[in-house]
Amino acid sequence: MKLFYETHGTGEPLVLIPGFASGAWSWFEQIEELSKHFQIITFDPRGVSHSKFEITETPIVSINLIAEDICQILDELKIEKANVLGTSFGGFVAQEFALNHTNRLNKLILACTSFGGANHVPPSMEVLMSFASTESLNSSERIRRYIQPAFTDEFWQNNKATVEKVCSLREENIVPEPVYFQQLQSAMAFDKQKEVSKIKAETLVITGINDRVVPMQNSVNLSNLIPNSKLEIVENGSHLFFIEQAKEFNDTVTKFLTKN
């Protein structure tokens, strides 16, 4: 397996972990701005887009394995410790990394995510169903159907160019059906409620108040369990608030990582 990753800028390392069925492309609103302050590391998770390898029936795509892949990337870059930012499914990976590799983590940012398990606050059944089906997975129509709830209705209607960029980038970066399904299985099994209190790193938990995919209460609950954490709630923020309100998101991340 050869993992695809890129670095941008110089300074303290910051690993950006993409969300469900997503890749390095999803950080197009972050790379230019954040690389002014940090060495940004983006990557395609195993099996997604440029990180290609042979798919087998045995699950080889999991949250734990993606967390281990981050260690491999850091090793190749000769980086001992990094800041880590994960959104949604990427937030699951970030929690796994924080718990298993304490000595390699500086600060942690968990965006629009959850500790999973029985006390995860689910989205509506309509939103759940949009993710559950793998029919025509990489088709234009299917991609737009599952991405739409991740934006606010207002943004979807009034920012056609940005919406189309997100949909087109996802369409160009293929997610094979077995990879999608194994990510989904791994996400459904994820449960760190009893463990996140062991996270020692200084942590920012950030969410959008109007997140329809991972409802805001999940971030509130997560922050309440992590001892050294701070909660930020973005007004009118959707699940993709790091795209909708990119400037506010980037400023908040920069301020958190650069303060003493």
C-alpha atoms as a PDB file:
ATOM      1  CA  MET A   1       0.000   0.000   0.000  1.00  0.00           C
ATOM      2  CA  LYS A   2       1.223   3.471  -0.862  1.00  0.00           C
ATOM      3  CA  LEU A   3      -0.456   6.305   1.015  1.00  0.00           C
ATOM      4  CA  PHE A   4      -0.959   9.588  -0.770  1.00  0.00           C
ATOM      5  CA  TYR A   5      -0.103  12.662   1.279  1.00  0.00           C
ATOM      6  CA  GLU A   6       1.015  16.229   0.703  1.00  0.00           C
ATOM      7  CA  THR A   7       2.634  18.920   2.815  1.00  0.00           C
ATOM      8  CA  HIS A   8       2.075  22.671   2.559  1.00  0.00           C
ATOM      9  CA  GLY A   9       3.931  25.467   4.330  1.00  0.00           C
ATOM     10  CA  THR A  10       6.368  25.384   7.221  1.00  0.00           C
ATOM     11  CA  GLY A  11       6.154  25.581  10.982  1.00  0.00           C
ATOM     12  CA  GLU A  12       4.595  23.374  13.608  1.00  0.00           C
ATOM     13  CA  PRO A  13       3.020  20.317  11.925  1.00  0.00           C
ATOM     14  CA  LEU A  14      -0.777  20.063  11.675  1.00  0.00           C
ATOM     15  CA  VAL A  15      -2.362  16.875  10.313  1.00  0.00           C
ATOM     16  CA  LEU A  16      -5.805  17.354   8.738  1.00  0.00           C
ATOM     17  CA  ILE A  17      -7.937  14.170   8.829  1.00  0.00           C
ATOM     18  CA  PRO A  18     -10.846  14.195   6.351  1.00  0.00           C
ATOM     19  CA  GLY A  19     -14.379  13.054   7.045  1.00  0.00           C
ATOM     20  CA  PHE A  20     -16.368  10.057   5.870  1.00  0.00           C
ATOM     21  CA  ALA A  21     -15.661   8.937   2.268  1.00  0.00           C
ATOM     22  CA  SER A  22     -13.529  12.027   1.849  1.00  0.00           C
ATOM     23  CA  GLY A  23      -9.905  12.861   1.175  1.00  0.00           C
ATOM     24  CA  ALA A  24      -7.236  15.532   0.986  1.00  0.00           C
ATOM     25  CA  TRP A  25      -9.385  17.474  -1.503  1.00  0.00           C
ATOM     26  CA  SER A  26     -11.853  18.460   1.239  1.00  0.00           C
ATOM     27  CA  TRP A  27      -9.420  20.955   2.784  1.00  0.00           C
ATOM     28  CA  PHE A  28      -9.409  23.416  -0.129  1.00  0.00           C
ATOM     29  CA  GLU A  29     -10.623  26.232   2.155  1.00  0.00           C
ATOM     30  CA  GLN A  30      -7.963  25.517   4.788  1.00  0.00           C
ATOM     31  CA  ILE A  31      -4.672  24.795   3.032  1.00  0.00           C
ATOM     32  CA  GLU A  32      -3.714  28.266   1.792  1.00  0.00           C
ATOM     33  CA  GLU A  33      -4.628  30.075   5.008  1.00  0.00           C
ATOM     34  CA  LEU A  34      -3.422  27.556   7.590  1.00  0.00           C
ATOM     35  CA  SER A  35      -0.157  26.905   5.736  1.00  0.00           C
ATOM     36  CA  LYS A  36       0.793  30.524   6.481  1.00  0.00           C
ATOM     37  CA  HIS A  37       1.223  29.448  10.106  1.00  0.00           C
ATOM     38  CA  PHE A  38       1.809  25.672  10.105  1.00  0.00           C
ATOM     39  CA  GLN A  39       3.208  22.784   8.124  1.00  0.00           C
ATOM     40  CA  ILE A  40      -0.056  21.339   6.850  1.00  0.00           C
ATOM     41  CA  ILE A  41      -0.213  17.588   6.170  1.00  0.00           C
ATOM     42  CA  THR A  42      -3.166  16.299   4.156  1.00  0.00           C
ATOM     43  CA  PHE A  43      -3.750  12.753   2.946  1.00  0.00           C
ATOM     44  CA  ASP A  44      -6.183  10.385   1.275  1.00  0.00           C
ATOM     45  CA  PRO A  45      -7.184   7.645   3.752  1.00  0.00           C
ATOM     46  CA  ARG A  46      -6.396   4.084   2.703  1.00  0.00           C
ATOM     47  CA  GLY A  47      -8.402   3.011  -0.323  1.00  0.00           C
ATOM     48  CA  VAL A  48      -9.665   6.517  -1.135  1.00  0.00           C
ATOM     49  CA  SER A  49      -8.723   8.270  -4.395  1.00  0.00           C
ATOM     50  CA  HIS A  50      -4.897   8.272  -4.708  1.00  0.00           C
ATOM     51  CA  SER A  51      -4.219   5.930  -1.742  1.00  0.00           C
ATOM     52  CA  LYS A  52      -4.904   2.781  -3.711  1.00  0.00           C
ATOM     53  CA  PHE A  53      -4.416  -0.828  -2.697  1.00  0.00           C
ATOM     54  CA  GLU A  54      -5.977  -4.217  -3.263  1.00  0.00           C
ATOM     55  CA  ILE A  55      -9.407  -4.566  -1.649  1.00  0.00           C
ATOM     56  CA  THR A  56     -10.206  -7.842   0.132  1.00  0.00           C
ATOM     57  CA  GLU A  57     -13.266  -9.176   1.937  1.00  0.00           C
ATOM     58  CA  THR A  58     -11.377  -8.971   5.225  1.00  0.00           C
ATOM     59  CA  PRO A  59     -11.824  -5.411   6.539  1.00  0.00           C
ATOM     60  CA  ILE A  60      -8.623  -3.515   5.895  1.00  0.00           C
ATOM     61  CA  VAL A  61     -10.139  -0.069   6.249  1.00  0.00           C
ATOM     62  CA  SER A  62     -10.802   0.862   9.858  1.00  0.00           C
ATOM     63  CA  ILE A  63     -10.513   3.836  12.169  1.00  0.00           C
ATOM     64  CA  ASN A  64      -7.628   2.215  14.022  1.00  0.00           C
ATOM     65  CA  LEU A  65      -5.704   1.428  10.841  1.00  0.00           C
ATOM     66  CA  ILE A  66      -6.141   4.962   9.498  1.00  0.00           C
ATOM     67  CA  ALA A  67      -4.768   6.274  12.812  1.00  0.00           C
ATOM     68  CA  GLU A  68      -1.753   3.972  12.367  1.00  0.00           C
ATOM     69  CA  ASP A  69      -1.337   5.262   8.805  1.00  0.00           C
ATOM     70  CA  ILE A  70      -0.936   8.782  10.228  1.00  0.00           C
ATOM     71  CA  CYS A  71       1.985   7.484  12.291  1.00  0.00           C
ATOM     72  CA  GLN A  72       3.504   6.075   9.104  1.00  0.00           C
ATOM     73  CA  ILE A  73       3.190   9.452   7.391  1.00  0.00           C
ATOM     74  CA  LEU A  74       4.773  11.237  10.362  1.00  0.00           C
ATOM     75  CA  ASP A  75       7.606   8.684  10.354  1.00  0.00           C
ATOM     76  CA  GLU A  76       8.263   9.276   6.640  1.00  0.00           C
ATOM     77  CA  LEU A  77       8.338  13.023   7.274  1.00  0.00           C
ATOM     78  CA  LYS A  78      10.564  12.508  10.351  1.00  0.00           C
ATOM     79  CA  ILE A  79       8.060  14.332  12.558  1.00  0.00           C
ATOM     80  CA  GLU A  80       7.968  13.274  16.209  1.00  0.00           C
ATOM     81  CA  LYS A  81       4.881  15.214  17.328  1.00  0.00           C
ATOM     82  CA  ALA A  82       2.081  17.033  15.533  1.00  0.00           C
ATOM     83  CA  ASN A  83      -1.170  18.837  16.102  1.00  0.00           C
ATOM     84  CA  VAL A  84      -4.112  16.816  14.801  1.00  0.00           C
ATOM     85  CA  LEU A  85      -7.456  18.067  13.442  1.00  0.00           C
ATOM     86  CA  GLY A  86     -10.205  15.643  12.455  1.00  0.00           C
ATOM     87  CA  THR A  87     -13.700  16.353  11.154  1.00  0.00           C
ATOM     88  CA  SER A  88     -16.647  13.958  11.549  1.00  0.00           C
ATOM     89  CA  PHE A  89     -15.355  10.421  10.768  1.00  0.00           C
ATOM     90  CA  GLY A  90     -11.915  12.029  10.825  1.00  0.00           C
ATOM     91  CA  GLY A  91     -12.699  13.066  14.397  1.00  0.00           C
ATOM     92  CA  PHE A  92     -13.102   9.380  15.255  1.00  0.00           C
ATOM     93  CA  VAL A  93      -9.647   8.752  13.785  1.00  0.00           C
ATOM     94  CA  ALA A  94      -8.242  11.730  15.712  1.00  0.00           C
ATOM     95  CA  GLN A  95      -9.619  10.351  19.002  1.00  0.00           C
ATOM     96  CA  GLU A  96      -8.085   6.952  18.235  1.00  0.00           C
ATOM     97  CA  PHE A  97      -4.747   8.615  17.488  1.00  0.00           C
ATOM     98  CA  ALA A  98      -4.916  10.716  20.674  1.00  0.00           C
ATOM     99  CA  LEU A  99      -5.604   7.658  22.833  1.00  0.00           C
ATOM    100  CA  ASN A 100      -3.043   5.344  21.235  1.00  0.00           C
ATOM    101  CA  HIS A 101      -0.224   7.772  20.461  1.00  0.00           C
ATOM    102  CA  THR A 102      -0.161  10.302  23.297  1.00  0.00           C
ATOM    103  CA  ASN A 103       3.576  10.881  22.835  1.00  0.00           C
ATOM    104  CA  ARG A 104       3.091  11.960  19.201  1.00  0.00           C
ATOM    105  CA  LEU A 105       0.319  14.504  19.812  1.00  0.00           C
ATOM    106  CA  ASN A 106       0.592  18.179  20.683  1.00  0.00           C
ATOM    107  CA  LYS A 107      -2.879  19.739  20.498  1.00  0.00           C
ATOM    108  CA  LEU A 108      -6.094  18.084  19.323  1.00  0.00           C
ATOM    109  CA  ILE A 109      -9.030  19.574  17.393  1.00  0.00           C
ATOM    110  CA  LEU A 110     -12.261  17.593  17.052  1.00  0.00           C
ATOM    111  CA  ALA A 111     -14.723  19.149  14.622  1.00  0.00           C
ATOM    112  CA  CYS A 112     -18.375  18.139  14.075  1.00  0.00           C
ATOM    113  CA  THR A 113     -17.803  14.711  15.617  1.00  0.00           C
ATOM    114  CA  SER A 114     -18.833  12.395  18.459  1.00  0.00           C
ATOM    115  CA  PHE A 115     -17.569   9.755  20.871  1.00  0.00           C
ATOM    116  CA  GLY A 116     -19.930   7.275  19.156  1.00  0.00           C
ATOM    117  CA  GLY A 117     -21.624   4.330  20.823  1.00  0.00           C
ATOM    118  CA  ALA A 118     -25.072   4.016  22.319  1.00  0.00           C
ATOM    119  CA  ASN A 119     -25.196   7.655  23.451  1.00  0.00           C
ATOM    120  CA  HIS A 120     -24.329   9.128  20.071  1.00  0.00           C
ATOM    121  CA  VAL A 121     -27.110  11.555  19.105  1.00  0.00           C
ATOM    122  CA  PRO A 122     -28.203  10.404  15.629  1.00  0.00           C
ATOM    123  CA  PRO A 123     -29.355  12.533  12.714  1.00  0.00           C
ATOM    124  CA  SER A 124     -32.788  12.164  11.158  1.00  0.00           C
ATOM    125  CA  MET A 125     -33.678   8.888   9.447  1.00  0.00           C
ATOM    126  CA  GLU A 126     -33.662  10.713   6.100  1.00  0.00           C
ATOM    127  CA  VAL A 127     -30.048  11.794   6.591  1.00  0.00           C
ATOM    128  CA  LEU A 128     -29.052   8.337   7.823  1.00  0.00           C
ATOM    129  CA  MET A 129     -30.540   6.697   4.749  1.00  0.00           C
ATOM    130  CA  SER A 130     -28.657   9.037   2.432  1.00  0.00           C
ATOM    131  CA  PHE A 131     -25.401   7.617   3.819  1.00  0.00           C
ATOM    132  CA  ALA A 132     -26.454   3.974   4.173  1.00  0.00           C
ATOM    133  CA  SER A 133     -27.031   3.165   0.509  1.00  0.00           C
ATOM    134  CA  THR A 134     -24.055   2.394  -1.754  1.00  0.00           C
ATOM    135  CA  GLU A 135     -26.141   2.350  -4.927  1.00  0.00           C
ATOM    136  CA  SER A 136     -24.456   4.369  -7.718  1.00  0.00           C
ATOM    137  CA  LEU A 137     -21.984   5.440  -5.044  1.00  0.00           C
ATOM    138  CA  ASN A 138     -19.724   7.638  -7.164  1.00  0.00           C
ATOM    139  CA  SER A 139     -22.419   9.004  -9.474  1.00  0.00           C
ATOM    140  CA  SER A 140     -23.085  12.712  -9.725  1.00  0.00           C
ATOM    141  CA  GLU A 141     -26.698  12.366  -8.550  1.00  0.00           C
ATOM    142  CA  ARG A 142     -25.814  10.160  -5.563  1.00  0.00           C
ATOM    143  CA  ILE A 143     -22.983  12.440  -4.435  1.00  0.00           C
ATOM    144  CA  ARG A 144     -25.219  15.492  -4.483  1.00  0.00           C
ATOM    145  CA  ARG A 145     -27.966  13.687  -2.591  1.00  0.00           C
ATOM    146  CA  TYR A 146     -25.762  12.769   0.334  1.00  0.00           C
ATOM    147  CA  ILE A 147     -23.777  16.013   0.423  1.00  0.00           C
ATOM    148  CA  GLN A 148     -26.792  18.342   0.466  1.00  0.00           C
ATOM    149  CA  PRO A 149     -27.772  17.758   4.148  1.00  0.00           C
ATOM    150  CA  ALA A 150     -24.199  18.585   5.150  1.00  0.00           C
ATOM    151  CA  PHE A 151     -24.777  22.206   4.113  1.00  0.00           C
ATOM    152  CA  THR A 152     -27.369  24.634   5.434  1.00  0.00           C
ATOM    153  CA  ASP A 153     -30.253  25.120   3.009  1.00  0.00           C
ATOM    154  CA  GLU A 154     -29.318  28.776   2.667  1.00  0.00           C
ATOM    155  CA  PHE A 155     -25.734  28.020   1.654  1.00  0.00           C
ATOM    156  CA  TRP A 156     -26.829  25.251  -0.738  1.00  0.00           C
ATOM    157  CA  GLN A 157     -29.158  27.669  -2.535  1.00  0.00           C
ATOM    158  CA  ASN A 158     -26.982  30.793  -2.539  1.00  0.00           C
ATOM    159  CA  ASN A 159     -23.444  29.489  -3.059  1.00  0.00           C
ATOM    160  CA  LYS A 160     -23.760  27.310  -6.139  1.00  0.00           C
ATOM    161  CA  ALA A 161     -20.108  27.649  -7.196  1.00  0.00           C
ATOM    162  CA  THR A 162     -18.737  26.387  -3.875  1.00  0.00           C
ATOM    163  CA  VAL A 163     -21.333  23.617  -3.635  1.00  0.00           C
ATOM    164  CA  GLU A 164     -20.491  22.497  -7.167  1.00  0.00           C
ATOM    165  CA  LYS A 165     -16.764  22.537  -6.346  1.00  0.00           C
ATOM    166  CA  VAL A 166     -17.335  20.231  -3.359  1.00  0.00           C
ATOM    167  CA  CYS A 167     -19.509  17.843  -5.381  1.00  0.00           C
ATOM    168  CA  SER A 168     -17.131  17.817  -8.348  1.00  0.00           C
ATOM    169  CA  LEU A 169     -14.073  17.171  -6.178  1.00  0.00           C
ATOM    170  CA  ARG A 170     -15.844  14.268  -4.482  1.00  0.00           C
ATOM    171  CA  GLU A 171     -16.849  12.919  -7.892  1.00  0.00           C
ATOM    172  CA  GLU A 172     -13.247  13.105  -9.144  1.00  0.00           C
ATOM    173  CA  ASN A 173     -11.851  11.354  -6.050  1.00  0.00           C
ATOM    174  CA  ILE A 174     -13.285   7.864  -6.270  1.00  0.00           C
ATOM    175  CA  VAL A 175     -14.235   5.918  -3.136  1.00  0.00           C
ATOM    176  CA  PRO A 176     -14.513   2.197  -4.017  1.00  0.00           C
ATOM    177  CA  GLU A 177     -17.668   0.572  -2.682  1.00  0.00           C
ATOM    178  CA  PRO A 178     -15.817  -1.886  -0.361  1.00  0.00           C
ATOM    179  CA  VAL A 179     -13.842   1.024   1.132  1.00  0.00           C
ATOM    180  CA  TYR A 180     -17.031   3.047   1.677  1.00  0.00           C
ATOM    181  CA  PHE A 181     -18.722   0.061   3.304  1.00  0.00           C
ATOM    182  CA  GLN A 182     -15.757  -0.726   5.561  1.00  0.00           C
ATOM    183  CA  GLN A 183     -15.515   2.914   6.673  1.00  0.00           C
ATOM    184  CA  LEU A 184     -19.258   2.818   7.416  1.00  0.00           C
ATOM    185  CA  GLN A 185     -18.939  -0.401   9.441  1.00  0.00           C
ATOM    186  CA  SER A 186     -16.010   1.031  11.388  1.00  0.00           C
ATOM    187  CA  ALA A 187     -17.941   4.231  12.134  1.00  0.00           C
ATOM    188  CA  MET A 188     -20.992   2.305  13.344  1.00  0.00           C
ATOM    189  CA  ALA A 189     -18.838   0.245  15.712  1.00  0.00           C
ATOM    190  CA  PHE A 190     -16.929   3.261  17.085  1.00  0.00           C
ATOM    191  CA  ASP A 191     -17.468   3.850  20.819  1.00  0.00           C
ATOM    192  CA  LYS A 192     -14.992   5.862  22.898  1.00  0.00           C
ATOM    193  CA  GLN A 193     -17.375   7.286  25.513  1.00  0.00           C
ATOM    194  CA  LYS A 194     -15.583   5.462  28.332  1.00  0.00           C
ATOM    195  CA  GLU A 195     -12.123   6.330  27.023  1.00  0.00           C
ATOM    196  CA  VAL A 196     -12.100   9.977  25.936  1.00  0.00           C
ATOM    197  CA  SER A 197     -11.601  11.141  29.527  1.00  0.00           C
ATOM    198  CA  LYS A 198      -8.081   9.683  29.175  1.00  0.00           C
ATOM    199  CA  ILE A 199      -7.168  12.215  26.476  1.00  0.00           C
ATOM    200  CA  LYS A 200      -4.546  14.449  28.062  1.00  0.00           C
ATOM    201  CA  ALA A 201      -3.853  16.809  25.164  1.00  0.00           C
ATOM    202  CA  GLU A 202      -5.264  20.305  25.141  1.00  0.00           C
ATOM    203  CA  THR A 203      -8.363  19.915  22.977  1.00  0.00           C
ATOM    204  CA  LEU A 204     -10.651  22.170  20.982  1.00  0.00           C
ATOM    205  CA  VAL A 205     -14.094  20.744  20.229  1.00  0.00           C
ATOM    206  CA  ILE A 206     -15.807  22.791  17.548  1.00  0.00           C
ATOM    207  CA  THR A 207     -19.211  22.341  15.930  1.00  0.00           C
ATOM    208  CA  GLY A 208     -21.913  24.070  13.914  1.00  0.00           C
ATOM    209  CA  ILE A 209     -25.173  24.787  15.693  1.00  0.00           C
ATOM    210  CA  ASN A 210     -27.186  23.581  12.663  1.00  0.00           C
ATOM    211  CA  ASP A 211     -25.283  20.370  11.949  1.00  0.00           C
ATOM    212  CA  ARG A 212     -27.802  17.876  10.534  1.00  0.00           C
ATOM    213  CA  VAL A 213     -25.310  15.022  10.066  1.00  0.00           C
ATOM    214  CA  VAL A 214     -23.634  14.938  13.501  1.00  0.00           C
ATOM    215  CA  PRO A 215     -25.965  17.035  15.672  1.00  0.00           C
ATOM    216  CA  MET A 216     -24.330  19.688  17.858  1.00  0.00           C
ATOM    217  CA  GLN A 217     -25.191  17.883  21.117  1.00  0.00           C
ATOM    218  CA  ASN A 218     -22.592  15.259  20.247  1.00  0.00           C
ATOM    219  CA  SER A 219     -19.838  17.867  20.467  1.00  0.00           C
ATOM    220  CA  VAL A 220     -21.238  19.209  23.736  1.00  0.00           C
ATOM    221  CA  ASN A 221     -21.232  15.689  25.209  1.00  0.00           C
ATOM    222  CA  LEU A 222     -17.739  15.003  23.885  1.00  0.00           C
ATOM    223  CA  SER A 223     -16.286  18.206  25.310  1.00  0.00           C
ATOM    224  CA  ASN A 224     -17.866  17.489  28.690  1.00  0.00           C
ATOM    225  CA  LEU A 225     -15.873  14.249  28.933  1.00  0.00           C
ATOM    226  CA  ILE A 226     -12.443  15.468  27.783  1.00  0.00           C
ATOM    227  CA  PRO A 227     -10.738  17.062  30.810  1.00  0.00           C
ATOM    228  CA  ASN A 228      -8.595  19.699  29.067  1.00  0.00           C
ATOM    229  CA  SER A 229     -11.057  20.751  26.387  1.00  0.00           C
ATOM    230  CA  LYS A 230     -12.729  23.909  25.147  1.00  0.00           C
ATOM    231  CA  LEU A 231     -16.024  23.980  23.219  1.00  0.00           C
ATOM    232  CA  GLU A 232     -16.713  26.402  20.348  1.00  0.00           C
ATOM    233  CA  ILE A 233     -20.137  26.548  18.672  1.00  0.00           C
ATOM    234  CA  VAL A 234     -20.377  28.272  15.289  1.00  0.00           C
ATOM    235  CA  GLU A 235     -23.629  30.165  14.757  1.00  0.00           C
ATOM    236  CA  ASN A 236     -25.590  28.904  11.754  1.00  0.00           C
ATOM    237  CA  GLY A 237     -22.824  26.353  11.170  1.00  0.00           C
ATOM    238  CA  SER A 238     -23.631  23.196   9.210  1.00  0.00           C
ATOM    239  CA  HIS A 239     -21.753  19.891   9.153  1.00  0.00           C
ATOM    240  CA  LEU A 240     -19.463  21.442   6.531  1.00  0.00           C
ATOM    241  CA  PHE A 241     -19.049  24.673   8.479  1.00  0.00           C
ATOM    242  CA  PHE A 242     -15.300  24.536   7.815  1.00  0.00           C
ATOM    243  CA  ILE A 243     -16.279  25.270   4.191  1.00  0.00           C
ATOM    244  CA  GLU A 244     -19.326  27.486   4.787  1.00  0.00           C
ATOM    245  CA  GLN A 245     -17.615  29.613   7.443  1.00  0.00           C
ATOM    246  CA  ALA A 246     -14.030  28.921   6.451  1.00  0.00           C
ATOM    247  CA  LYS A 247     -12.575  32.199   7.718  1.00  0.00           C
ATOM    248  CA  GLU A 248     -14.109  31.818  11.187  1.00  0.00           C
ATOM    249  CA  PHE A 249     -13.020  28.178  11.320  1.00  0.00           C
ATOM    250  CA  ASN A 250      -9.454  28.922  10.185  1.00  0.00           C
ATOM    251  CA  ASP A 251      -9.108  31.863  12.593  1.00  0.00           C
ATOM    252  CA  THR A 252     -10.381  29.760  15.509  1.00  0.00           C
ATOM    253  CA  VAL A 253      -7.984  26.913  14.698  1.00  0.00           C
ATOM    254  CA  THR A 254      -5.012  29.285  14.327  1.00  0.00           C
ATOM    255  CA  LYS A 255      -5.773  31.077  17.582  1.00  0.00           C
ATOM    256  CA  PHE A 256      -6.115  27.798  19.480  1.00  0.00           C
ATOM    257  CA  LEU A 257      -2.898  26.312  18.144  1.00  0.00           C
ATOM    258  CA  THR A 258      -0.744  29.431  18.534  1.00  0.00           C
ATOM    259  CA  LYS A 259      -1.775  30.515  22.017  1.00  0.00           C
ATOM    260  CA  ASN A 260       0.573  29.559  24.843  1.00  0.00           C
END
